[in-house]
Amino acid sequence: MRQTPTAIGYLRKDVSGASQQWDEIQIRSRAKTLGYSLAKTVTFSATTDDPEMRLRNVVQALDADAVIAPSLAHFDGEVPETLVRLCELNVIAPRAASYTRRYDEIHRATGS
């Protein structure tokens, strides 16, 4: 068992644009603040085929506990439920938020 939980950074180049380097710094900082060891940052583009599936594959391969992204815009503005079933999702902006592995249960309970 790992002593420190592991996170993966995630961003899309087309969403970050000129702010990509800043977004990567923010991901590293947020991982440290939350107590995660950042294993890597996965970067995809607008032309990447099924980026959410590819990200889930990385999460599973690294047995990551969390994904940290600059914002939900990197997921087309929505919480990716299939990802959140695997690990926690943390976003930095517009305000810091965490979506836990229980998201699907909360979603069903609230009917939203």
C-alpha atoms as a PDB file:
ATOM      1  CA  MET A   1       0.000   0.000   0.000  1.00  0.00           C
ATOM      2  CA  ARG A   2       1.250   3.473  -0.895  1.00  0.00           C
ATOM      3  CA  GLN A   3       1.875   5.926   1.909  1.00  0.00           C
ATOM      4  CA  THR A   4       0.882   8.920  -0.215  1.00  0.00           C
ATOM      5  CA  PRO A   5      -2.181   8.855  -2.481  1.00  0.00           C
ATOM      6  CA  THR A   6      -1.454   9.325  -6.163  1.00  0.00           C
ATOM      7  CA  ALA A   7      -2.993  11.868  -8.516  1.00  0.00           C
ATOM      8  CA  ILE A   8      -2.861  12.431 -12.238  1.00  0.00           C
ATOM      9  CA  GLY A   9      -3.041  15.893 -13.734  1.00  0.00           C
ATOM     10  CA  TYR A  10      -5.250  16.299 -16.776  1.00  0.00           C
ATOM     11  CA  LEU A  11      -5.736  19.052 -19.304  1.00  0.00           C
ATOM     12  CA  ARG A  12      -6.676  19.630 -22.897  1.00  0.00           C
ATOM     13  CA  LYS A  13      -4.307  21.811 -24.886  1.00  0.00           C
ATOM     14  CA  ASP A  14      -7.145  23.367 -26.861  1.00  0.00           C
ATOM     15  CA  VAL A  15      -8.857  24.489 -23.643  1.00  0.00           C
ATOM     16  CA  SER A  16      -5.712  25.707 -21.867  1.00  0.00           C
ATOM     17  CA  GLY A  17      -4.303  27.431 -24.939  1.00  0.00           C
ATOM     18  CA  ALA A  18      -1.583  29.922 -24.003  1.00  0.00           C
ATOM     19  CA  SER A  19      -2.229  29.199 -20.304  1.00  0.00           C
ATOM     20  CA  GLN A  20      -1.101  25.563 -20.521  1.00  0.00           C
ATOM     21  CA  GLN A  21       2.123  26.084 -18.579  1.00  0.00           C
ATOM     22  CA  TRP A  22       0.240  28.011 -15.871  1.00  0.00           C
ATOM     23  CA  ASP A  23      -2.415  25.272 -15.724  1.00  0.00           C
ATOM     24  CA  GLU A  24       0.308  22.658 -15.218  1.00  0.00           C
ATOM     25  CA  ILE A  25       1.801  24.714 -12.364  1.00  0.00           C
ATOM     26  CA  GLN A  26      -1.649  25.007 -10.790  1.00  0.00           C
ATOM     27  CA  ILE A  27      -2.183  21.240 -11.067  1.00  0.00           C
ATOM     28  CA  ARG A  28       1.143  20.537  -9.315  1.00  0.00           C
ATOM     29  CA  SER A  29       0.348  23.061  -6.603  1.00  0.00           C
ATOM     30  CA  ARG A  30      -3.156  21.690  -6.028  1.00  0.00           C
ATOM     31  CA  ALA A  31      -1.819  18.116  -5.817  1.00  0.00           C
ATOM     32  CA  LYS A  32       0.671  19.183  -3.158  1.00  0.00           C
ATOM     33  CA  THR A  33      -1.979  21.133  -1.234  1.00  0.00           C
ATOM     34  CA  LEU A  34      -4.297  18.113  -1.216  1.00  0.00           C
ATOM     35  CA  GLY A  35      -1.514  15.740  -0.158  1.00  0.00           C
ATOM     36  CA  TYR A  36      -1.223  13.800  -3.410  1.00  0.00           C
ATOM     37  CA  SER A  37       1.883  12.580  -5.149  1.00  0.00           C
ATOM     38  CA  LEU A  38       1.467  13.744  -8.751  1.00  0.00           C
ATOM     39  CA  ALA A  39       2.430  10.781 -10.945  1.00  0.00           C
ATOM     40  CA  LYS A  40       2.098  12.601 -14.271  1.00  0.00           C
ATOM     41  CA  THR A  41       0.045  15.117 -16.205  1.00  0.00           C
ATOM     42  CA  VAL A  42      -1.875  13.758 -19.168  1.00  0.00           C
ATOM     43  CA  THR A  43      -2.336  16.262 -21.980  1.00  0.00           C
ATOM     44  CA  PHE A  44      -4.685  15.720 -24.899  1.00  0.00           C
ATOM     45  CA  SER A  45      -5.765  17.890 -27.810  1.00  0.00           C
ATOM     46  CA  ALA A  46      -9.060  18.533 -29.559  1.00  0.00           C
ATOM     47  CA  THR A  47      -8.186  15.776 -32.029  1.00  0.00           C
ATOM     48  CA  THR A  48      -7.584  13.069 -29.403  1.00  0.00           C
ATOM     49  CA  ASP A  49      -9.982  10.193 -29.930  1.00  0.00           C
ATOM     50  CA  ASP A  50     -12.122   9.535 -26.812  1.00  0.00           C
ATOM     51  CA  PRO A  51      -9.969  11.434 -24.303  1.00  0.00           C
ATOM     52  CA  GLU A  52     -12.135  10.461 -21.330  1.00  0.00           C
ATOM     53  CA  MET A  53     -11.677   6.755 -22.030  1.00  0.00           C
ATOM     54  CA  ARG A  54      -7.935   7.261 -22.474  1.00  0.00           C
ATOM     55  CA  LEU A  55      -7.771   9.148 -19.180  1.00  0.00           C
ATOM     56  CA  ARG A  56      -9.667   6.360 -17.414  1.00  0.00           C
ATOM     57  CA  ASN A  57      -7.154   3.860 -18.825  1.00  0.00           C
ATOM     58  CA  VAL A  58      -4.279   5.886 -17.332  1.00  0.00           C
ATOM     59  CA  VAL A  59      -6.097   6.122 -13.978  1.00  0.00           C
ATOM     60  CA  GLN A  60      -6.534   2.357 -13.921  1.00  0.00           C
ATOM     61  CA  ALA A  61      -2.995   1.593 -15.096  1.00  0.00           C
ATOM     62  CA  LEU A  62      -1.472   3.804 -12.396  1.00  0.00           C
ATOM     63  CA  ASP A  63      -4.104   2.928  -9.785  1.00  0.00           C
ATOM     64  CA  ALA A  64      -4.528   6.663  -9.230  1.00  0.00           C
ATOM     65  CA  ASP A  65      -6.656   7.971  -6.402  1.00  0.00           C
ATOM     66  CA  ALA A  66      -7.499  11.283  -8.065  1.00  0.00           C
ATOM     67  CA  VAL A  67      -7.427  13.392 -11.214  1.00  0.00           C
ATOM     68  CA  ILE A  68      -6.719  17.100 -10.956  1.00  0.00           C
ATOM     69  CA  ALA A  69      -7.833  19.390 -13.787  1.00  0.00           C
ATOM     70  CA  PRO A  70      -7.820  23.170 -14.212  1.00  0.00           C
ATOM     71  CA  SER A  71     -11.623  23.256 -14.656  1.00  0.00           C
ATOM     72  CA  LEU A  72     -14.599  21.277 -15.885  1.00  0.00           C
ATOM     73  CA  ALA A  73     -14.104  22.978 -19.261  1.00  0.00           C
ATOM     74  CA  HIS A  74     -11.444  20.322 -19.854  1.00  0.00           C
ATOM     75  CA  PHE A  75     -14.323  17.807 -19.693  1.00  0.00           C
ATOM     76  CA  ASP A  76     -16.645  19.837 -21.939  1.00  0.00           C
ATOM     77  CA  GLY A  77     -18.173  21.498 -18.877  1.00  0.00           C
ATOM     78  CA  GLU A  78     -19.599  18.385 -17.221  1.00  0.00           C
ATOM     79  CA  VAL A  79     -18.506  16.091 -14.422  1.00  0.00           C
ATOM     80  CA  PRO A  80     -17.437  12.850 -16.156  1.00  0.00           C
ATOM     81  CA  GLU A  81     -19.423  10.303 -14.151  1.00  0.00           C
ATOM     82  CA  THR A  82     -17.537   7.282 -15.488  1.00  0.00           C
ATOM     83  CA  LEU A  83     -14.257   8.828 -14.340  1.00  0.00           C
ATOM     84  CA  VAL A  84     -15.656   9.765 -10.928  1.00  0.00           C
ATOM     85  CA  ARG A  85     -16.695   6.158 -10.404  1.00  0.00           C
ATOM     86  CA  LEU A  86     -12.977   5.279 -10.575  1.00  0.00           C
ATOM     87  CA  CYS A  87     -11.388   8.108  -8.619  1.00  0.00           C
ATOM     88  CA  GLU A  88     -11.866  11.517  -7.097  1.00  0.00           C
ATOM     89  CA  LEU A  89     -11.890  14.501  -9.464  1.00  0.00           C
ATOM     90  CA  ASN A  90     -10.538  17.839  -8.283  1.00  0.00           C
ATOM     91  CA  VAL A  91     -10.921  21.024 -10.307  1.00  0.00           C
ATOM     92  CA  ILE A  92      -9.225  24.315  -9.565  1.00  0.00           C
ATOM     93  CA  ALA A  93     -11.387  26.975 -11.225  1.00  0.00           C
ATOM     94  CA  PRO A  94     -13.608  28.890 -11.204  1.00  0.00           C
ATOM     95  CA  ARG A  95     -13.521  27.715  -7.587  1.00  0.00           C
ATOM     96  CA  ALA A  96     -11.880  24.634  -6.165  1.00  0.00           C
ATOM     97  CA  ALA A  97     -14.204  21.645  -6.094  1.00  0.00           C
ATOM     98  CA  SER A  98     -13.925  17.921  -5.472  1.00  0.00           C
ATOM     99  CA  TYR A  99     -16.161  15.244  -6.916  1.00  0.00           C
ATOM    100  CA  THR A 100     -15.821  12.031  -4.964  1.00  0.00           C
ATOM    101  CA  ARG A 101     -16.295   8.445  -5.994  1.00  0.00           C
ATOM    102  CA  ARG A 102     -19.763   8.662  -4.476  1.00  0.00           C
ATOM    103  CA  TYR A 103     -20.894  11.187  -7.115  1.00  0.00           C
ATOM    104  CA  ASP A 104     -23.095   8.652  -8.915  1.00  0.00           C
ATOM    105  CA  GLU A 105     -24.848   7.746  -5.656  1.00  0.00           C
ATOM    106  CA  ILE A 106     -25.442  11.415  -4.806  1.00  0.00           C
ATOM    107  CA  HIS A 107     -26.657  12.049  -8.342  1.00  0.00           C
ATOM    108  CA  ARG A 108     -29.263   9.281  -8.069  1.00  0.00           C
ATOM    109  CA  ALA A 109     -30.345  10.350  -4.562  1.00  0.00           C
ATOM    110  CA  THR A 110     -30.891  13.989  -5.509  1.00  0.00           C
ATOM    111  CA  GLY A 111     -32.389  13.231  -8.920  1.00  0.00           C
ATOM    112  CA  SER A 112     -30.248  15.962 -10.487  1.00  0.00           C
END
